[in-house]
């Protein structure tokens, strides 16, 4: 697959998959359950799937587990690439350097690359962050999608674009003005993947400012709304995006209350493999599951005309 084709495929909804564990042992992966979940996403039309990211509980996974879920995801996607799988490289430099060539050998072409932290803080001098990405880029032939959880200034994103292997940036849009400045500085050299914020309903503004896709968690169990949001953005149907985000806003408020455990509860409710989360995340209680079930029933009652 050529670089230009990979760039085009990245301009989509990026599903951030959860990592299911066995019911009998929270510290054993449920790889069969993961495969079922990913097959569901692919059948629903999801084109880019991340495994082992923040939603996938990266901070509670071993390097061996990251390797195992990535291999499973790439096998499900198959050689014909029914979906583009982006395995995750952690910010730990030694682990990232170890995993990058393994991911490439499995058949991955692009990896989400988490940033390095110093004692859980953003380094004051970003030279070290640049050196980290340069080293990771040299460890394999993978293209990299850095995840800007450190609120980098636009000038630093411009510097990252000097590394040939970096194909785009995933930005949570918590500092949106810096992201949009970076888009103006760097332009089409990078693919720009943003975040949504359904509750205030600002996704259409972010597309207008230059993002080309967004990351999604609800897509794990309710894919049609997230996918239609991206299609509406491509058609520049901004009022429809406002309507869709209003429909999803109550679901976002539930996730803000209950965390990533809500995504696994949603998977359970639709008959997929959710299960428990590992600490420090917390499982959703009975009340939360009831609220989620009611919200999913309301969303399912939305007919095609509303979409």
Protein backbone atom coordinates (compact mmCIF):
# COMPACT_ATOMS: atom_id res chain seq x y z
CA UNK A 1 0.00 0.00 0.00
CA UNK A 2 1.50 3.29 -1.06
CA UNK A 3 1.93 6.24 1.27
CA UNK A 4 -0.69 8.34 -0.53
CA UNK A 5 -3.23 5.53 -0.19
CA UNK A 6 -2.46 5.21 3.52
CA UNK A 7 -2.88 8.96 3.95
CA UNK A 8 -6.29 8.79 2.27
CA UNK A 9 -7.40 5.85 4.41
CA UNK A 10 -6.49 7.69 7.58
CA UNK A 11 -9.00 10.44 6.75
CA UNK A 12 -11.85 8.61 8.45
CA UNK A 13 -13.46 7.76 11.78
CA UNK A 14 -10.80 6.10 13.93
CA UNK A 15 -12.43 3.52 16.18
CA UNK A 16 -10.52 3.13 19.44
CA UNK A 17 -11.20 -0.46 20.41
CA UNK A 18 -11.50 -1.67 23.98
CA UNK A 19 -9.41 -4.60 25.19
CA UNK A 20 -11.59 -7.46 26.51
CA UNK A 21 -10.37 -9.73 29.29
CA UNK A 22 -11.53 -13.19 30.28
CA UNK A 23 -14.44 -13.27 32.72
CA UNK A 24 -12.60 -15.80 34.88
CA UNK A 25 -9.34 -13.84 34.99
CA UNK A 26 -9.10 -10.09 34.58
CA UNK A 27 -5.40 -10.46 33.75
CA UNK A 28 -5.86 -12.75 30.76
CA UNK A 29 -6.79 -11.38 27.34
CA UNK A 30 -9.99 -12.48 25.62
CA UNK A 31 -8.59 -12.57 22.09
CA UNK A 32 -11.62 -14.38 20.68
CA UNK A 33 -13.85 -11.67 22.10
CA UNK A 34 -11.59 -9.00 20.62
CA UNK A 35 -11.83 -10.66 17.22
CA UNK A 36 -15.65 -10.66 17.42
CA UNK A 37 -15.69 -6.99 18.37
CA UNK A 38 -13.41 -6.06 15.49
CA UNK A 39 -15.42 -8.11 12.99
CA UNK A 40 -18.51 -6.17 14.11
CA UNK A 41 -16.75 -2.85 13.48
CA UNK A 42 -15.52 -3.89 10.05
CA UNK A 43 -18.95 -5.18 9.03
CA UNK A 44 -20.43 -1.85 10.15
CA UNK A 45 -18.12 -0.01 7.77
CA UNK A 46 -15.39 1.22 10.13
CA UNK A 47 -12.23 1.76 8.10
CA UNK A 48 -9.60 2.58 10.74
CA UNK A 49 -9.27 0.73 14.06
CA UNK A 50 -6.79 1.46 16.81
CA UNK A 51 -5.92 -1.24 19.34
CA UNK A 52 -4.07 -0.73 22.59
CA UNK A 53 -4.72 3.01 22.84
CA UNK A 54 -6.12 4.91 25.79
CA UNK A 55 -9.57 3.35 25.34
CA UNK A 56 -7.79 0.00 25.03
CA UNK A 57 -6.29 0.50 28.53
CA UNK A 58 -2.69 0.85 27.34
CA UNK A 59 -1.52 1.87 30.80
CA UNK A 60 -2.73 -1.47 32.19
CA UNK A 61 -1.30 -3.72 29.43
CA UNK A 62 2.05 -5.46 29.17
CA UNK A 63 4.18 -5.19 26.01
CA UNK A 64 3.34 -8.82 25.31
CA UNK A 65 -0.36 -8.05 25.53
CA UNK A 66 0.01 -5.09 23.16
CA UNK A 67 1.74 -7.44 20.74
CA UNK A 68 -1.00 -10.08 21.08
CA UNK A 69 -3.95 -7.75 20.52
CA UNK A 70 -2.19 -6.14 17.55
CA UNK A 71 -1.56 -9.53 15.96
CA UNK A 72 -5.20 -10.50 16.48
CA UNK A 73 -6.45 -7.25 14.96
CA UNK A 74 -4.22 -7.56 11.90
CA UNK A 75 -5.35 -11.16 11.40
CA UNK A 76 -9.01 -10.11 11.56
CA UNK A 77 -8.42 -7.32 9.05
CA UNK A 78 -6.68 -9.82 6.77
CA UNK A 79 -4.19 -9.30 3.99
CA UNK A 80 -6.78 -7.45 1.93
CA UNK A 81 -6.91 -4.79 4.66
CA UNK A 82 -10.66 -4.66 5.24
CA UNK A 83 -9.77 -2.06 7.86
CA UNK A 84 -6.56 -0.19 8.52
CA UNK A 85 -5.25 -1.34 11.91
CA UNK A 86 -3.15 1.12 13.91
CA UNK A 87 -1.45 -0.65 16.82
CA UNK A 88 -0.14 1.54 19.61
CA UNK A 89 3.44 2.31 20.57
CA UNK A 90 3.67 3.41 24.22
CA UNK A 91 5.62 6.44 25.33
CA UNK A 92 8.19 4.20 27.02
CA UNK A 93 11.08 4.43 24.54
CA UNK A 94 12.51 0.97 25.16
CA UNK A 95 9.13 -0.72 24.69
CA UNK A 96 8.29 1.36 21.62
CA UNK A 97 11.63 0.50 20.00
CA UNK A 98 11.00 -3.18 20.72
CA UNK A 99 7.42 -3.23 19.43
CA UNK A 100 7.79 -1.12 16.28
CA UNK A 101 9.65 -3.72 14.18
CA UNK A 102 7.36 -6.47 15.52
CA UNK A 103 4.27 -4.56 14.40
CA UNK A 104 5.83 -4.05 10.99
CA UNK A 105 6.65 -7.75 10.70
CA UNK A 106 3.01 -8.58 11.51
CA UNK A 107 1.90 -6.42 8.58
CA UNK A 108 1.04 -3.10 10.23
CA UNK A 109 1.71 0.01 8.15
CA UNK A 110 0.82 2.82 10.56
CA UNK A 111 1.12 2.99 14.35
CA UNK A 112 -0.33 5.37 16.89
CA UNK A 113 2.69 6.72 18.77
CA UNK A 114 2.12 7.90 22.32
CA UNK A 115 4.35 10.72 23.63
CA UNK A 116 6.99 10.20 26.31
CA UNK A 117 6.48 11.70 29.77
CA UNK A 118 8.89 12.47 32.60
CA UNK A 119 7.45 11.37 35.94
CA UNK A 120 3.96 11.66 34.37
CA UNK A 121 4.64 15.26 33.38
CA UNK A 122 5.20 16.98 30.06
CA UNK A 123 8.92 17.67 29.60
CA UNK A 124 9.68 21.38 29.74
CA UNK A 125 12.21 20.94 26.94
CA UNK A 126 10.53 19.29 23.96
CA UNK A 127 13.87 18.42 22.36
CA UNK A 128 13.64 15.09 24.15
CA UNK A 129 10.17 14.45 22.76
CA UNK A 130 11.46 15.17 19.26
CA UNK A 131 14.40 12.82 19.84
CA UNK A 132 12.00 10.12 21.04
CA UNK A 133 9.93 10.26 17.86
CA UNK A 134 13.03 10.39 15.69
CA UNK A 135 14.37 7.22 17.36
CA UNK A 136 11.05 5.40 17.09
CA UNK A 137 10.78 6.39 13.43
CA UNK A 138 14.22 4.89 12.76
CA UNK A 139 13.33 1.57 14.43
CA UNK A 140 11.09 0.32 11.60
CA UNK A 141 9.42 1.22 8.34
CA UNK A 142 6.14 2.08 10.07
CA UNK A 143 4.46 5.39 9.48
CA UNK A 144 3.68 7.14 12.75
CA UNK A 145 0.65 9.02 14.02
CA UNK A 146 1.80 10.87 17.17
CA UNK A 147 -0.87 11.44 19.79
CA UNK A 148 -0.67 14.99 21.13
CA UNK A 149 -1.69 14.52 24.75
CA UNK A 150 0.93 17.10 25.76
CA UNK A 151 -0.69 20.17 24.13
CA UNK A 152 2.27 20.87 21.85
CA UNK A 153 2.60 24.36 20.44
CA UNK A 154 2.05 24.65 16.71
CA UNK A 155 5.74 25.27 16.09
CA UNK A 156 6.63 21.91 17.65
CA UNK A 157 4.13 20.10 15.43
CA UNK A 158 5.78 21.83 12.50
CA UNK A 159 9.11 20.46 13.72
CA UNK A 160 7.70 16.93 14.00
CA UNK A 161 6.72 17.18 10.34
CA UNK A 162 10.44 17.16 9.54
CA UNK A 163 10.48 13.44 10.46
CA UNK A 164 9.54 11.68 7.25
CA UNK A 165 7.85 8.71 8.96
CA UNK A 166 5.33 10.96 10.70
CA UNK A 167 2.25 10.89 8.49
CA UNK A 168 -0.22 12.77 10.67
CA UNK A 169 -1.18 13.90 14.16
CA UNK A 170 -3.96 12.71 16.41
CA UNK A 171 -5.02 15.65 18.57
CA UNK A 172 -7.62 15.56 21.38
CA UNK A 173 -8.49 19.22 20.64
CA UNK A 174 -8.11 20.26 24.27
CA UNK A 175 -6.03 23.18 22.99
CA UNK A 176 -7.86 23.68 19.68
CA UNK A 177 -6.26 27.01 18.78
CA UNK A 178 -2.80 25.41 18.81
CA UNK A 179 -4.06 22.60 16.57
CA UNK A 180 -5.58 24.98 14.07
CA UNK A 181 -2.42 27.10 14.07
CA UNK A 182 -0.47 23.91 13.33
CA UNK A 183 -2.80 23.09 10.45
CA UNK A 184 -2.15 26.51 8.97
CA UNK A 185 1.61 26.16 9.45
CA UNK A 186 2.02 22.60 8.15
CA UNK A 187 -0.94 22.15 5.83
CA UNK A 188 -1.29 18.98 3.79
CA UNK A 189 2.09 17.57 4.83
CA UNK A 190 0.23 15.81 7.69
CA UNK A 191 -3.14 14.15 8.09
CA UNK A 192 -5.11 15.84 10.89
CA UNK A 193 -7.22 13.63 13.17
CA UNK A 194 -9.19 15.42 15.84
CA UNK A 195 -11.73 14.75 18.56
CA UNK A 196 -15.43 15.52 18.64
CA UNK A 197 -17.12 16.75 21.86
CA UNK A 198 -20.71 15.80 21.02
CA UNK A 199 -22.15 17.60 24.03
CA UNK A 200 -21.25 21.15 22.93
CA UNK A 201 -21.59 20.02 19.30
CA UNK A 202 -18.40 21.56 17.88
CA UNK A 203 -17.23 18.84 15.48
CA UNK A 204 -18.35 20.68 12.35
CA UNK A 205 -16.26 23.71 13.36
CA UNK A 206 -13.21 21.47 13.66
CA UNK A 207 -13.75 20.05 10.18
CA UNK A 208 -14.14 23.57 8.86
CA UNK A 209 -10.82 24.44 10.51
CA UNK A 210 -9.02 21.54 8.85
CA UNK A 211 -9.34 18.21 10.65
CA UNK A 212 -9.90 15.29 8.26
CA UNK A 213 -11.24 12.62 10.60
CA UNK A 214 -11.89 12.01 14.29
CA UNK A 215 -11.48 9.37 16.97
CA UNK A 216 -14.47 7.58 18.47
CA UNK A 217 -15.25 5.33 21.40
CA UNK A 218 -19.04 4.95 21.08
CA UNK A 219 -18.43 3.48 17.64
CA UNK A 220 -17.52 0.24 19.44
CA UNK A 221 -21.21 -0.49 20.03
CA UNK A 222 -23.16 2.27 18.18
CA UNK A 223 -21.26 2.81 14.92
CA UNK A 224 -23.84 4.29 12.58
CA UNK A 225 -24.02 7.74 14.18
CA UNK A 226 -20.26 8.29 14.28
CA UNK A 227 -19.84 7.09 10.70
CA UNK A 228 -22.67 9.32 9.48
CA UNK A 229 -21.05 12.30 11.20
CA UNK A 230 -17.94 11.86 9.07
CA UNK A 231 -19.98 11.36 5.90
CA UNK A 232 -21.94 14.52 6.70
CA UNK A 233 -18.67 16.42 7.17
CA UNK A 234 -17.42 15.27 3.77
CA UNK A 235 -20.69 16.56 2.26
CA UNK A 236 -20.37 19.77 4.32
CA UNK A 237 -23.81 19.18 5.79
CA UNK A 238 -23.11 21.17 8.92
CA UNK A 239 -26.72 21.39 10.23
CA UNK A 240 -27.01 17.58 10.08
CA UNK A 241 -23.83 17.29 12.15
CA UNK A 242 -25.42 19.52 14.79
CA UNK A 243 -28.48 17.24 14.90
CA UNK A 244 -26.40 14.06 15.13
CA UNK A 245 -24.23 15.43 17.91
CA UNK A 246 -27.30 16.51 19.84
CA UNK A 247 -28.53 12.91 19.61
CA UNK A 248 -25.19 11.64 20.95
CA UNK A 249 -24.73 14.29 23.65
CA UNK A 250 -26.50 12.32 26.44
CA UNK A 251 -24.28 9.33 25.67
CA UNK A 252 -21.20 11.53 25.98
CA UNK A 253 -22.39 12.85 29.33
CA UNK A 254 -22.74 9.27 30.55
CA UNK A 255 -19.18 8.49 29.48
CA UNK A 256 -17.93 11.59 31.28
CA UNK A 257 -19.59 10.27 34.44
CA UNK A 258 -18.57 6.61 34.17
CA UNK A 259 -15.35 6.61 32.14
CA UNK A 260 -14.12 3.92 29.76
CA UNK A 261 -16.04 1.27 31.69
CA UNK A 262 -19.14 2.63 29.95
CA UNK A 263 -17.81 1.47 26.57
CA UNK A 264 -17.41 -2.07 27.82
CA UNK A 265 -20.88 -1.96 29.33
CA UNK A 266 -22.21 -0.87 25.93
CA UNK A 267 -20.50 -3.80 24.25
CA UNK A 268 -22.12 -6.16 26.76
CA UNK A 269 -25.54 -4.64 26.09
CA UNK A 270 -25.32 -5.25 22.33
CA UNK A 271 -24.08 -8.83 22.74
CA UNK A 272 -20.37 -8.25 22.12
CA UNK A 273 -17.36 -8.75 24.42
CA UNK A 274 -17.12 -5.98 26.97
CA UNK A 275 -16.53 -7.25 30.46
CA UNK A 276 -14.53 -5.62 33.20
CA UNK A 277 -11.86 -2.94 33.14
CA UNK A 278 -8.55 -3.19 34.93
CA UNK A 279 -7.69 -0.75 37.72
CA UNK A 280 -7.36 2.19 37.96
CA UNK A 281 -10.45 2.26 35.71
CA UNK A 282 -13.73 1.38 37.41
CA UNK A 283 -16.58 -0.81 36.16
CA UNK A 284 -20.01 0.70 35.59
CA UNK A 285 -22.52 -0.08 38.35
CA UNK A 286 -26.08 -1.33 37.86
CA UNK A 287 -27.52 2.19 37.81
CA UNK A 288 -25.10 3.25 35.10
CA UNK A 289 -25.87 0.20 33.00
CA UNK A 290 -29.58 0.93 33.27
CA UNK A 291 -29.04 4.52 32.16
CA UNK A 292 -26.93 3.32 29.25
CA UNK A 293 -29.52 0.74 28.20
CA UNK A 294 -32.22 3.42 28.15
CA UNK A 295 -30.00 5.72 26.10
CA UNK A 296 -29.21 3.00 23.56
CA UNK A 297 -32.92 2.23 23.23
CA UNK A 298 -33.59 5.91 22.52
CA UNK A 299 -30.83 6.02 19.90
CA UNK A 300 -32.10 2.85 18.24
CA UNK A 301 -35.52 4.48 17.91
CA UNK A 302 -33.97 7.19 15.73
CA UNK A 303 -35.18 6.41 12.22
CA UNK A 304 -33.44 6.92 8.91
CA UNK A 305 -35.15 10.27 8.32
CA UNK A 306 -33.43 11.69 11.39
CA UNK A 307 -30.12 10.55 10.00
